[in-house]
Amino acid sequence: MAEFDFGNDSSRAGGAESWQDESAAGVSGTAETGYDGGTGSSGMGETDAAGMTSMEYSDPNKISVTIADKDAPLVVLFGSQTCGKTMTLVRLTRYLWSKGYTVKPDTAFRPLYDKNYSEMCENFDSMINSEDAARSTSKINYMLVKVYDRTGRTLCQILEAPGEHYFKPEKPDEEFPKYVNAIISSNNRKIWVVMLEPDDTNRNMDVQRRKAYVRKVHKLKTSIAARDKVIFLFNKIDRTPYVVRPGEVKYAAAKRQIGYSYPDLFVPFTNQNPITKLWKPYNFDFVAFQTGSYSEAADGTMAFVPGADVYPAKLWKFILKGIKG
């Protein structure tokens, strides 16, 4: 039976905003001939265009993934579909490469029958460097990348998974799948990057669904370990009136807007320490973010130009803070 495995590496030897997330192929791909990865049938049915078996597609609790490294901190990009998780990973990876870090996919993350994941690992560099946003996102369904410093030391692992497994707008109170709960309860230190966005950039997130998303984040808060860290990432900040110039953001106003758009979101994160709460009212970090600009070419491709480095730089600064504890 498919399961979430920690440490066992035996399973493997509309607008611009619509491109700022994982491909819909992971939930809408049609089945194709089964792929056994050279090891025989997966025993779970044929795989679809995004590498999922029919059982995984119909029941997320059957999804099989492996976190082989039980020590490196996990950075989890948490959010609904079309909130920008995939392009955030793309932009952060480009920034880290430019600063001398090594970022590469963990080939052990998905079983051998997931041909899509194997191809994605093989073509990771070209996919990340593509000027076509569609190419960067069309194949990414699941992705676990590891970040190494100049000495080869593992700093962290960054996990990107389908948004509907964190929050499904049409079924907002649906429980997390088994593999997500396993991630939550794992012994790895975790940094949860909770994705937020302006009111008008995601047609799937109306007022009631944003309130439901708040409930899901609150549920996450009650489930994570005390040492886990939370970063609220206000994505698509360029679509708001709070940017003075690249990297210079009216943070107080932006945070107030999040309070209006996602009522009571910050309440469970209130700092209860009578001393430190005087200068730190909440136990989270808050960062404004922009992946870049998008324009549709005549051939239908979506051209992507990365935004200012100051955005991924600030996000990485908070991630490093969370890694160090």
Protein backbone atom coordinates (compact mmCIF):
# COMPACT_ATOMS: atom_id res chain seq x y z
CA MET A 1 0.00 0.00 0.00
CA ALA A 2 1.25 3.46 -0.82
CA GLU A 3 2.62 5.33 2.13
CA PHE A 4 4.67 8.30 3.25
CA ASP A 5 8.17 7.09 4.04
CA PHE A 6 10.81 8.88 6.14
CA GLY A 7 14.36 7.69 5.68
CA ASN A 8 13.71 4.65 3.46
CA ASP A 9 15.41 5.37 0.17
CA SER A 10 14.61 2.03 -1.46
CA SER A 11 11.72 3.30 -3.55
CA ARG A 12 14.00 5.07 -6.02
CA ALA A 13 17.59 4.49 -7.21
CA GLY A 14 -6.61 34.44 -17.10
CA GLY A 15 -3.94 36.82 -16.25
CA ALA A 16 -0.33 36.67 -15.27
CA GLU A 17 -1.29 35.22 -11.92
CA SER A 18 -2.61 32.06 -13.56
CA TRP A 19 0.98 31.01 -14.23
CA GLN A 20 2.18 31.66 -10.71
CA ASP A 21 1.36 28.19 -9.42
CA GLU A 22 1.47 24.49 -10.04
CA SER A 23 0.13 23.06 -13.28
CA ALA A 24 -3.44 21.90 -13.39
CA ALA A 25 -2.16 18.82 -15.19
CA GLY A 26 -1.73 17.10 -11.87
CA VAL A 27 -5.46 17.03 -11.37
CA SER A 28 -6.75 16.92 -14.91
CA GLY A 29 -4.30 14.80 -16.89
CA THR A 30 -5.77 11.85 -18.78
CA ALA A 31 -4.42 8.37 -18.15
CA GLU A 32 -1.74 7.08 -20.44
CA THR A 33 0.06 3.76 -20.65
CA GLY A 34 1.45 2.58 -17.33
CA TYR A 35 5.10 3.16 -16.51
CA ASP A 36 6.97 0.69 -14.35
CA GLY A 37 10.32 2.49 -14.17
CA GLY A 38 12.09 -0.71 -15.10
CA THR A 39 11.07 -2.37 -11.85
CA GLY A 40 7.69 -3.79 -12.78
CA SER A 41 4.20 -2.45 -12.34
CA SER A 42 3.49 -0.12 -9.48
CA GLY A 43 0.49 -2.22 -8.59
CA MET A 44 -1.61 0.91 -8.40
CA GLY A 45 -2.93 1.25 -11.94
CA GLU A 46 -1.78 3.35 -14.87
CA THR A 47 -0.12 6.73 -14.46
CA ASP A 48 -1.53 9.96 -15.83
CA ALA A 49 0.26 12.76 -17.66
CA ALA A 50 1.60 14.17 -14.40
CA GLY A 51 2.88 10.83 -13.12
CA MET A 52 0.10 10.02 -10.66
CA THR A 53 -1.43 6.57 -10.62
CA SER A 54 -5.17 6.16 -10.94
CA MET A 55 -5.35 5.29 -7.24
CA GLU A 56 -3.35 8.39 -6.27
CA TYR A 57 -5.50 10.55 -8.50
CA SER A 58 -8.79 9.25 -7.06
CA ASP A 59 -7.58 9.05 -3.46
CA PRO A 60 -4.83 11.43 -2.25
CA ASN A 61 -4.41 9.19 0.80
CA LYS A 62 -2.73 6.68 -1.54
CA ILE A 63 -0.06 9.13 -2.67
CA SER A 64 3.44 7.81 -2.11
CA VAL A 65 6.32 10.19 -1.39
CA THR A 66 9.59 9.75 0.47
CA ILE A 67 11.54 12.22 2.61
CA ALA A 68 14.85 10.39 2.79
CA ASP A 69 16.69 13.12 4.73
CA LYS A 70 15.28 13.09 8.24
CA ASP A 71 17.61 15.83 9.51
CA ALA A 72 17.53 18.74 7.05
CA PRO A 73 14.79 21.28 7.79
CA LEU A 74 11.75 21.24 5.52
CA VAL A 75 10.49 24.46 3.98
CA VAL A 76 6.86 23.80 3.02
CA LEU A 77 5.13 26.09 0.52
CA PHE A 78 1.55 26.03 1.80
CA GLY A 79 -1.35 27.48 -0.17
CA SER A 80 -4.27 26.92 -2.51
CA GLN A 81 -4.14 26.48 -6.27
CA THR A 82 -3.03 29.52 -8.32
CA CYS A 83 -1.61 31.32 -5.29
CA GLY A 84 1.91 31.22 -6.74
CA LYS A 85 3.75 28.37 -5.03
CA THR A 86 5.47 26.98 -8.11
CA MET A 87 6.71 30.31 -9.45
CA THR A 88 7.86 31.24 -5.93
CA LEU A 89 10.01 28.10 -6.01
CA VAL A 90 11.27 29.03 -9.49
CA ARG A 91 12.15 32.59 -8.45
CA LEU A 92 13.80 31.55 -5.18
CA THR A 93 15.84 28.87 -6.96
CA ARG A 94 17.13 31.39 -9.51
CA TYR A 95 18.11 33.75 -6.72
CA LEU A 96 19.92 31.05 -4.74
CA TRP A 97 21.83 29.93 -7.83
CA SER A 98 22.96 33.53 -8.40
CA LYS A 99 24.35 33.62 -4.84
CA GLY A 100 26.40 30.46 -5.21
CA TYR A 101 24.04 27.97 -3.59
CA THR A 102 23.32 24.61 -5.20
CA VAL A 103 19.66 23.69 -5.63
CA LYS A 104 18.73 20.34 -7.09
CA PRO A 105 15.76 17.96 -6.90
CA ASP A 106 15.70 14.95 -4.63
CA THR A 107 15.24 12.00 -6.99
CA ALA A 108 14.07 9.75 -4.14
CA PHE A 109 10.95 11.81 -3.47
CA ARG A 110 8.57 9.96 -5.81
CA PRO A 111 8.47 6.24 -6.76
CA LEU A 112 9.98 4.96 -10.00
CA TYR A 113 6.60 4.67 -11.71
CA ASP A 114 6.29 8.48 -11.70
CA LYS A 115 7.90 9.11 -15.09
CA ASN A 116 6.93 12.78 -14.97
CA TYR A 117 8.93 13.33 -11.78
CA SER A 118 11.97 11.53 -13.23
CA GLU A 119 11.89 13.72 -16.33
CA MET A 120 11.39 16.80 -14.22
CA CYS A 121 14.48 15.98 -12.16
CA GLU A 122 16.52 15.42 -15.33
CA ASN A 123 15.39 18.73 -16.87
CA PHE A 124 15.22 20.77 -13.67
CA ASP A 125 17.84 23.37 -14.62
CA SER A 126 16.36 24.14 -18.03
CA MET A 127 12.86 24.24 -16.59
CA ILE A 128 13.85 26.74 -13.88
CA ASN A 129 15.77 28.89 -16.39
CA SER A 130 13.01 28.91 -18.99
CA GLU A 131 11.69 32.31 -20.07
CA ASP A 132 8.31 30.67 -20.66
CA ALA A 133 6.37 30.55 -17.39
CA ALA A 134 4.13 27.82 -18.77
CA ARG A 135 7.14 25.58 -19.31
CA SER A 136 8.29 26.20 -15.76
CA THR A 137 4.93 25.20 -14.30
CA SER A 138 3.33 22.76 -16.74
CA LYS A 139 5.07 19.67 -15.37
CA ILE A 140 5.55 20.53 -11.70
CA ASN A 141 3.05 18.58 -9.64
CA TYR A 142 5.26 17.48 -6.76
CA MET A 143 8.79 18.66 -6.18
CA LEU A 144 11.30 18.30 -3.36
CA VAL A 145 14.54 20.23 -3.84
CA LYS A 146 17.56 20.35 -1.58
CA VAL A 147 19.62 23.50 -1.00
CA TYR A 148 23.37 23.21 -0.39
CA ASP A 149 25.88 25.88 0.59
CA ARG A 150 29.28 26.35 -1.08
CA THR A 151 30.85 23.62 1.10
CA GLY A 152 28.22 21.08 0.06
CA ARG A 153 26.40 21.16 3.39
CA THR A 154 22.64 20.64 3.16
CA LEU A 155 20.84 23.73 4.44
CA CYS A 156 17.23 22.75 3.86
CA GLN A 157 14.71 20.96 1.68
CA ILE A 158 11.93 22.87 -0.09
CA LEU A 159 8.67 21.03 -0.71
CA GLU A 160 6.09 21.99 -3.31
CA ALA A 161 2.89 19.95 -3.57
CA PRO A 162 -0.55 20.40 -5.16
CA GLY A 163 -2.49 23.27 -3.62
CA GLU A 164 -5.72 21.27 -3.46
CA HIS A 165 -4.09 18.95 -0.92
CA TYR A 166 -3.64 21.91 1.44
CA PHE A 167 -6.84 23.79 0.67
CA LYS A 168 -9.54 22.88 -1.82
CA PRO A 169 -11.91 25.86 -2.36
CA GLU A 170 -14.85 23.64 -3.35
CA LYS A 171 -14.28 21.46 -0.25
CA PRO A 172 -12.66 23.92 2.16
CA ASP A 173 -12.97 21.81 5.30
CA GLU A 174 -11.67 18.57 3.79
CA GLU A 175 -9.00 16.90 5.92
CA PHE A 176 -5.36 16.93 4.89
CA PRO A 177 -4.29 13.79 2.98
CA LYS A 178 -2.24 11.18 4.80
CA TYR A 179 1.08 12.31 3.34
CA VAL A 180 0.50 15.93 4.42
CA ASN A 181 -0.27 14.80 7.98
CA ALA A 182 2.92 12.71 7.88
CA ILE A 183 4.90 15.80 6.89
CA ILE A 184 3.32 17.75 9.75
CA SER A 185 4.23 15.07 12.29
CA SER A 186 7.74 14.36 10.98
CA ASN A 187 10.78 15.06 13.13
CA ASN A 188 12.30 17.48 10.63
CA ARG A 189 12.29 21.11 11.72
CA LYS A 190 9.79 22.85 9.47
CA ILE A 191 9.34 26.36 8.13
CA TRP A 192 5.80 26.85 6.84
CA VAL A 193 5.57 29.48 4.11
CA VAL A 194 1.86 30.29 4.11
CA MET A 195 0.83 31.94 0.84
CA LEU A 196 -1.50 34.96 0.80
CA GLU A 197 -2.54 37.18 -2.10
CA PRO A 198 -4.59 40.27 -3.00
CA ASP A 199 -8.38 39.98 -3.16
CA ASP A 200 -8.66 40.25 -6.93
CA THR A 201 -5.90 37.95 -8.20
CA ASN A 202 -7.52 34.55 -7.65
CA ARG A 203 -11.05 33.98 -8.89
CA ASN A 204 -11.28 30.81 -6.80
CA MET A 205 -10.88 32.73 -3.54
CA ASP A 206 -13.91 34.86 -2.74
CA VAL A 207 -14.72 36.26 0.71
CA GLN A 208 -16.17 33.02 2.09
CA ARG A 209 -13.34 30.90 0.73
CA ARG A 210 -10.73 33.20 2.22
CA LYS A 211 -12.47 32.76 5.58
CA ALA A 212 -12.35 29.01 5.04
CA TYR A 213 -8.65 29.27 4.20
CA VAL A 214 -8.14 31.04 7.53
CA ARG A 215 -9.77 28.07 9.25
CA LYS A 216 -7.38 25.72 7.45
CA VAL A 217 -4.36 27.78 8.52
CA HIS A 218 -5.66 27.77 12.10
CA LYS A 219 -5.96 23.97 11.90
CA LEU A 220 -2.38 23.81 10.68
CA LYS A 221 -1.28 25.97 13.62
CA THR A 222 -2.80 23.56 16.14
CA SER A 223 -1.00 20.64 14.49
CA ILE A 224 2.56 21.85 14.00
CA ALA A 225 5.39 21.48 16.51
CA ALA A 226 6.32 24.32 18.84
CA ARG A 227 9.74 24.65 17.19
CA ASP A 228 8.24 25.01 13.69
CA LYS A 229 8.30 28.50 12.21
CA VAL A 230 5.69 30.31 10.12
CA ILE A 231 6.28 32.88 7.40
CA PHE A 232 3.26 34.63 5.92
CA LEU A 233 4.12 35.49 2.33
CA PHE A 234 2.02 38.21 0.69
CA ASN A 235 2.52 37.24 -2.93
CA LYS A 236 1.77 39.35 -6.00
CA ILE A 237 2.53 42.48 -3.99
CA ASP A 238 3.04 44.29 -7.31
CA ARG A 239 -0.72 43.98 -7.82
CA THR A 240 -1.36 46.17 -4.76
CA PRO A 241 -0.93 49.91 -4.03
CA TYR A 242 1.62 49.19 -1.28
CA VAL A 243 4.79 49.17 -3.39
CA VAL A 244 6.69 52.47 -3.42
CA ARG A 245 9.51 51.09 -5.58
CA PRO A 246 10.96 47.59 -6.03
CA GLY A 247 11.64 46.20 -2.58
CA GLU A 248 10.24 49.22 -0.75
CA VAL A 249 6.84 48.19 0.55
CA LYS A 250 4.41 49.87 2.95
CA TYR A 251 4.45 46.87 5.25
CA ALA A 252 2.09 48.21 7.91
CA ALA A 253 -0.59 48.93 5.31
CA ALA A 254 -0.02 45.60 3.56
CA LYS A 255 -0.41 43.70 6.84
CA ARG A 256 -3.61 45.63 7.65
CA GLN A 257 -4.98 44.65 4.24
CA ILE A 258 -4.29 41.00 4.98
CA GLY A 259 -6.18 41.44 8.23
CA TYR A 260 -9.21 42.68 6.27
CA SER A 261 -8.96 40.07 3.51
CA TYR A 262 -8.29 37.13 5.83
CA PRO A 263 -10.16 38.02 9.05
CA ASP A 264 -8.59 36.76 12.29
CA LEU A 265 -5.78 35.04 10.42
CA PHE A 266 -3.12 36.22 12.87
CA VAL A 267 -5.06 35.55 16.12
CA PRO A 268 -3.58 32.10 16.95
CA PHE A 269 -0.10 33.47 16.38
CA THR A 270 -0.37 36.12 19.11
CA ASN A 271 2.72 36.24 21.31
CA GLN A 272 1.67 35.29 24.84
CA ASN A 273 5.01 36.09 26.45
CA PRO A 274 4.37 39.13 28.70
CA ILE A 275 7.82 40.57 28.04
CA THR A 276 8.64 39.90 24.37
CA LYS A 277 5.11 40.73 23.21
CA LEU A 278 5.91 44.38 23.95
CA TRP A 279 8.06 44.55 20.81
CA LYS A 280 6.93 41.36 19.03
CA PRO A 281 3.13 41.04 19.14
CA TYR A 282 3.01 37.94 16.90
CA ASN A 283 5.03 34.75 16.47
CA PHE A 284 5.52 34.78 12.72
CA ASP A 285 7.44 36.59 10.03
CA PHE A 286 5.72 38.55 7.29
CA VAL A 287 7.22 39.16 3.86
CA ALA A 288 5.98 40.82 0.69
CA PHE A 289 6.88 38.97 -2.49
CA GLN A 290 6.83 39.28 -6.25
CA THR A 291 8.01 36.58 -8.63
CA GLY A 292 8.26 38.82 -11.69
CA SER A 293 6.33 40.10 -14.66
CA TYR A 294 4.34 38.05 -17.17
CA SER A 295 3.25 38.86 -20.69
CA GLU A 296 1.48 36.70 -23.23
CA ALA A 297 3.28 36.33 -26.56
CA ALA A 298 1.55 35.98 -29.92
CA ASP A 299 2.21 32.23 -29.94
CA GLY A 300 0.36 31.82 -26.64
CA THR A 301 3.41 31.37 -24.44
CA MET A 302 3.65 33.34 -21.20
CA ALA A 303 6.96 35.20 -21.09
CA PHE A 304 8.44 35.53 -17.61
CA VAL A 305 10.91 38.17 -16.46
CA PRO A 306 12.12 37.80 -12.85
CA GLY A 307 11.39 40.63 -10.44
CA ALA A 308 13.87 42.44 -8.21
CA ASP A 309 16.25 40.27 -6.16
CA VAL A 310 15.24 42.07 -2.98
CA TYR A 311 12.06 39.96 -2.77
CA PRO A 312 13.63 36.47 -2.78
CA ALA A 313 16.52 37.85 -0.72
CA LYS A 314 14.18 38.83 2.09
CA LEU A 315 12.30 35.54 1.91
CA TRP A 316 15.58 33.62 2.08
CA LYS A 317 16.67 35.70 5.07
CA PHE A 318 13.56 34.59 6.99
CA ILE A 319 14.01 30.97 5.87
CA LEU A 320 17.59 31.01 7.19
CA LYS A 321 16.28 32.46 10.44
CA GLY A 322 13.83 29.56 10.71
CA ILE A 323 16.53 27.00 9.88
CA LYS A 324 18.73 28.29 12.69
CA GLY A 325 15.79 28.23 15.08
